[in-house]
Amino acid sequence: MEKQDLGQRQDSGHWKCKRRLEKRHGDINACKMPEERLAFLANTKPYEVIEGEGNCLLNTGIDEIWDLVTGERPSGTAWAASTAYSVGDIRVPTSGNYCTCIYECTTAGTSGTTEPTWPAVDGATVTDNTVVWTCRSDPRVFKNANARIGVGDSSTAADATQTDLQAAVNKTYKGQEAGYPTSTAQKATFKSSFGDSEANYAWNEWVIKSVSGTPTNICLNRKVESLGTKSSGTWTLEISITLS
């Protein structure tokens, strides 16, 4: 019988990242409504377009992918009994799955001696002695309200152990254009535009980040490359990630 070395078998997967940077004259931030911003991008011709592939998938990004898939959260400050809370404090249940909801203190006070029954509907509230908690669903999903593209001027080599942009001062995060991110055919696409007075320095690095939830500021990836020095105008960075 033929022997098989089962220890050498591996399943393969592919993480493929593409990016497209469009540089335009004019300031997209003068467009206040989403449809005006879309019209600006559609009706102005870029004076330069840079395309490329590849990035460093960060350890935090890998963990985040599986947290979202499994519904688990490896960290987060748990609710405690008989504790004073201030408006804006974020807590999670002491046990169980809290992937889809976290809880924000919206009325300050002192928690009760027994943990409340947590609602699972966004915006729903629960009274906990003199504290009122409000459910915030999808806290770390990379949706339009949470996802950012960040750019900075650091050329420090990318490493999977990094957790964010490496720039000390020159770093800027922008939200998504209307309709982004998208998810189709095993591909997620993110798109952010930096206006006339934003991120005016050398673009040497970029990340995709979620800026909401517990913990906050989870970066999926980081790419180091020279994209030019921005001094004015509108630069639009579009990033597509395929996982297959």
Protein backbone atom coordinates (compact mmCIF):
# COMPACT_ATOMS: atom_id res chain seq x y z
CA MET A 1 0.00 0.00 0.00
CA GLU A 2 1.35 3.39 -0.93
CA LYS A 3 2.19 5.53 2.06
CA GLN A 4 0.96 9.09 2.15
CA ASP A 5 2.70 11.81 4.09
CA LEU A 6 -0.39 13.48 5.47
CA GLY A 7 1.74 15.97 7.37
CA GLN A 8 2.81 17.56 4.08
CA ARG A 9 -0.67 18.12 2.69
CA GLN A 10 -1.80 21.71 2.53
CA ASP A 11 -4.84 23.50 1.25
CA SER A 12 -4.08 26.69 -0.59
CA GLY A 13 -5.79 30.03 -0.64
CA HIS A 14 -4.98 33.32 -2.30
CA TRP A 15 -5.17 36.87 -0.91
CA LYS A 16 -4.73 39.26 -3.83
CA CYS A 17 -4.74 43.01 -3.45
CA LYS A 18 -4.87 45.59 -6.24
CA ARG A 19 -4.88 49.36 -5.93
CA ARG A 20 -5.62 52.26 -8.29
CA LEU A 21 -4.73 55.87 -7.47
CA GLU A 22 -6.33 58.64 -9.54
CA LYS A 23 -4.93 62.15 -9.21
CA ARG A 24 -7.19 65.07 -10.16
CA HIS A 25 -7.08 68.84 -10.06
CA GLY A 26 -9.84 70.45 -8.00
CA ASP A 27 -11.21 69.78 -4.52
CA ILE A 28 -13.77 67.02 -4.06
CA ASN A 29 -14.52 68.33 -0.58
CA ALA A 30 -16.26 71.31 -2.16
CA CYS A 31 -18.95 68.77 -3.10
CA LYS A 32 -21.16 68.39 -0.06
CA MET A 33 -23.64 65.74 -1.20
CA PRO A 34 -22.71 62.15 -2.09
CA GLU A 35 -24.17 62.52 -5.57
CA GLU A 36 -22.07 65.65 -6.13
CA ARG A 37 -18.92 63.75 -5.15
CA LEU A 38 -19.85 60.95 -7.57
CA ALA A 39 -20.38 63.53 -10.33
CA PHE A 40 -16.98 65.09 -9.58
CA LEU A 41 -15.25 61.73 -9.99
CA ALA A 42 -17.22 60.88 -13.12
CA ASN A 43 -16.80 64.24 -14.88
CA THR A 44 -13.19 65.13 -14.10
CA LYS A 45 -10.32 63.43 -15.91
CA PRO A 46 -7.33 62.29 -13.83
CA TYR A 47 -4.01 63.80 -14.85
CA GLU A 48 -2.23 60.68 -13.56
CA VAL A 49 -3.30 57.12 -12.76
CA ILE A 50 -1.08 54.66 -10.86
CA GLU A 51 -1.98 50.98 -10.56
CA GLY A 52 -0.24 48.21 -8.64
CA GLU A 53 -0.62 44.95 -6.75
CA GLY A 54 0.36 43.38 -3.46
CA ASN A 55 0.38 44.31 0.21
CA CYS A 56 1.28 42.88 3.62
CA LEU A 57 -1.63 41.12 5.33
CA LEU A 58 -1.18 42.08 8.98
CA ASN A 59 -1.61 39.66 11.86
CA THR A 60 -4.36 41.92 13.19
CA GLY A 61 -6.10 41.61 9.83
CA ILE A 62 -5.92 37.82 9.87
CA ASP A 63 -7.32 37.72 13.41
CA GLU A 64 -10.08 40.14 12.44
CA ILE A 65 -11.14 38.06 9.44
CA TRP A 66 -11.59 34.97 11.58
CA ASP A 67 -13.23 36.91 14.41
CA LEU A 68 -15.84 38.14 11.96
CA VAL A 69 -16.30 34.68 10.44
CA THR A 70 -16.66 32.91 13.78
CA GLY A 71 -18.46 35.65 15.68
CA GLU A 72 -15.84 35.74 18.40
CA ARG A 73 -14.07 38.69 19.98
CA PRO A 74 -10.67 38.09 21.60
CA SER A 75 -10.78 41.22 23.74
CA GLY A 76 -13.01 43.99 25.01
CA THR A 77 -13.77 45.39 28.44
CA ALA A 78 -16.52 43.36 30.08
CA TRP A 79 -19.42 44.75 32.09
CA ALA A 80 -18.90 44.82 35.86
CA ALA A 81 -21.40 45.00 38.69
CA SER A 82 -21.74 48.00 41.04
CA THR A 83 -19.46 50.14 38.89
CA ALA A 84 -19.73 53.82 37.97
CA TYR A 85 -19.96 54.43 34.20
CA SER A 86 -19.75 57.63 32.19
CA VAL A 87 -21.49 58.52 28.94
CA GLY A 88 -19.53 57.05 26.07
CA ASP A 89 -18.10 54.08 27.96
CA ILE A 90 -18.19 50.88 25.89
CA ARG A 91 -18.71 47.45 27.44
CA VAL A 92 -19.40 43.90 26.29
CA PRO A 93 -21.23 41.02 28.02
CA THR A 94 -19.23 38.99 30.51
CA SER A 95 -19.74 35.82 28.47
CA GLY A 96 -21.10 34.58 25.18
CA ASN A 97 -20.85 35.81 21.63
CA TYR A 98 -20.68 39.57 21.26
CA CYS A 99 -19.57 39.86 17.65
CA THR A 100 -22.57 41.77 16.41
CA CYS A 101 -23.20 44.12 19.33
CA ILE A 102 -21.36 46.24 21.83
CA TYR A 103 -23.00 48.49 24.41
CA GLU A 104 -22.49 52.21 24.91
CA CYS A 105 -23.33 54.05 28.12
CA THR A 106 -25.82 56.75 27.10
CA THR A 107 -26.94 57.69 30.63
CA ALA A 108 -24.26 57.84 33.29
CA GLY A 109 -24.74 56.05 36.59
CA THR A 110 -23.81 52.96 38.59
CA SER A 111 -24.45 49.46 37.30
CA GLY A 112 -26.58 46.99 39.20
CA THR A 113 -25.56 43.88 41.07
CA THR A 114 -26.90 41.58 38.33
CA GLU A 115 -25.88 41.75 34.68
CA PRO A 116 -28.74 42.96 32.49
CA THR A 117 -30.26 41.03 29.61
CA TRP A 118 -28.55 42.60 26.63
CA PRO A 119 -30.67 43.59 23.61
CA ALA A 120 -29.44 42.58 20.16
CA VAL A 121 -31.12 45.28 18.06
CA ASP A 122 -29.13 48.36 17.05
CA GLY A 123 -30.30 51.37 19.06
CA ALA A 124 -32.23 49.34 21.63
CA THR A 125 -31.63 50.30 25.26
CA VAL A 126 -31.52 48.48 28.58
CA THR A 127 -31.63 50.02 32.06
CA ASP A 128 -28.98 48.72 34.43
CA ASN A 129 -29.75 50.21 37.87
CA THR A 130 -29.09 53.90 37.10
CA VAL A 131 -27.10 53.27 33.89
CA VAL A 132 -28.71 53.12 30.45
CA TRP A 133 -26.89 51.07 27.81
CA THR A 134 -27.55 51.41 24.08
CA CYS A 135 -26.86 48.57 21.68
CA ARG A 136 -24.44 49.39 18.88
CA SER A 137 -24.54 46.64 16.26
CA ASP A 138 -21.85 45.75 13.73
CA PRO A 139 -19.17 47.51 15.80
CA ARG A 140 -16.15 46.45 13.78
CA VAL A 141 -17.62 45.46 10.44
CA PHE A 142 -15.75 47.22 7.65
CA LYS A 143 -18.85 48.99 6.36
CA ASN A 144 -19.22 52.52 4.97
CA ALA A 145 -19.59 54.12 8.40
CA ASN A 146 -16.53 52.40 9.87
CA ALA A 147 -14.01 51.69 7.12
CA ARG A 148 -11.16 54.09 6.36
CA ILE A 149 -8.23 54.18 3.98
CA GLY A 150 -5.19 55.67 5.67
CA VAL A 151 -2.11 57.11 3.98
CA GLY A 152 1.18 58.21 5.52
CA ASP A 153 4.72 59.23 4.69
CA SER A 154 6.67 56.42 6.38
CA SER A 155 8.73 54.11 4.18
CA THR A 156 9.43 51.62 6.99
CA ALA A 157 9.28 48.13 5.52
CA ALA A 158 5.96 46.35 5.95
CA ASP A 159 5.83 43.60 8.56
CA ALA A 160 2.95 41.38 9.61
CA THR A 161 3.39 42.36 13.28
CA GLN A 162 2.62 46.04 12.57
CA THR A 163 -0.82 47.27 13.55
CA ASP A 164 -1.16 50.61 11.71
CA LEU A 165 0.54 53.23 9.57
CA GLN A 166 4.11 53.81 10.68
CA ALA A 167 4.20 57.58 10.05
CA ALA A 168 4.81 59.63 13.19
CA VAL A 169 2.92 62.78 12.13
CA ASN A 170 1.96 62.81 8.46
CA LYS A 171 -0.92 60.33 8.34
CA THR A 172 -4.53 60.83 7.29
CA TYR A 173 -7.59 58.55 7.32
CA LYS A 174 -10.58 59.12 5.04
CA GLY A 175 -13.98 57.50 4.97
CA GLN A 176 -15.50 55.70 2.03
CA GLU A 177 -17.19 57.22 -0.97
CA ALA A 178 -20.94 56.55 -1.25
CA GLY A 179 -21.63 52.94 -2.17
CA TYR A 180 -18.30 51.65 -0.85
CA PRO A 181 -17.02 49.26 0.24
CA THR A 182 -18.54 46.69 -2.10
CA SER A 183 -18.48 42.91 -1.90
CA THR A 184 -18.88 40.93 -5.13
CA ALA A 185 -17.42 37.73 -6.55
CA GLN A 186 -15.07 37.06 -3.60
CA LYS A 187 -13.75 40.62 -3.84
CA ALA A 188 -14.06 43.60 -1.49
CA THR A 189 -13.40 47.07 -2.91
CA PHE A 190 -12.68 50.19 -0.84
CA LYS A 191 -12.54 53.75 -2.21
CA SER A 192 -11.59 57.02 -0.49
CA SER A 193 -10.90 60.51 -1.85
CA PHE A 194 -8.49 62.98 -0.25
CA GLY A 195 -9.38 66.62 -1.00
CA ASP A 196 -7.33 69.70 -1.77
CA SER A 197 -6.12 70.37 1.79
CA GLU A 198 -5.83 66.75 2.97
CA ALA A 199 -2.77 64.47 3.16
CA ASN A 200 -0.46 66.95 1.46
CA TYR A 201 2.84 65.13 1.89
CA ALA A 202 4.68 62.16 0.37
CA TRP A 203 2.43 59.09 0.08
CA ASN A 204 4.69 56.17 1.00
CA GLU A 205 2.25 53.80 2.76
CA TRP A 206 -1.41 52.94 3.05
CA VAL A 207 -3.72 50.76 5.17
CA ILE A 208 -7.38 49.74 5.40
CA LYS A 209 -8.74 50.27 8.90
CA SER A 210 -11.94 49.95 10.90
CA VAL A 211 -12.29 52.86 13.32
CA SER A 212 -15.21 51.66 15.42
CA GLY A 213 -15.78 48.95 17.96
CA THR A 214 -13.98 47.27 20.83
CA PRO A 215 -11.06 47.27 20.39
CA THR A 216 -10.91 50.10 17.90
CA ASN A 217 -8.64 50.77 14.95
CA ILE A 218 -8.12 47.33 13.48
CA CYS A 219 -5.98 47.38 10.33
CA LEU A 220 -6.29 44.62 7.76
CA ASN A 221 -3.13 45.29 5.82
CA ARG A 222 -0.29 47.68 5.03
CA LYS A 223 1.46 48.52 1.78
CA VAL A 224 4.71 50.45 1.37
CA GLU A 225 5.18 52.14 -2.00
CA SER A 226 5.91 55.60 -3.34
CA LEU A 227 2.76 57.04 -4.89
CA GLY A 228 4.02 60.61 -5.24
CA THR A 229 3.89 63.78 -3.17
CA LYS A 230 0.48 65.43 -2.87
CA SER A 231 0.41 69.22 -2.61
CA SER A 232 -3.12 70.02 -3.80
CA GLY A 233 -6.03 68.64 -5.78
CA THR A 234 -7.96 65.42 -5.20
CA TRP A 235 -6.35 61.99 -5.02
CA THR A 236 -8.70 58.98 -5.04
CA LEU A 237 -7.35 55.64 -3.85
CA GLU A 238 -9.28 52.48 -4.74
CA ILE A 239 -8.23 49.13 -3.26
CA SER A 240 -9.62 45.75 -4.26
CA ILE A 241 -8.93 42.58 -2.25
CA THR A 242 -9.75 39.13 -3.59
CA LEU A 243 -9.78 36.12 -1.26
CA SER A 244 -10.14 32.79 -3.04
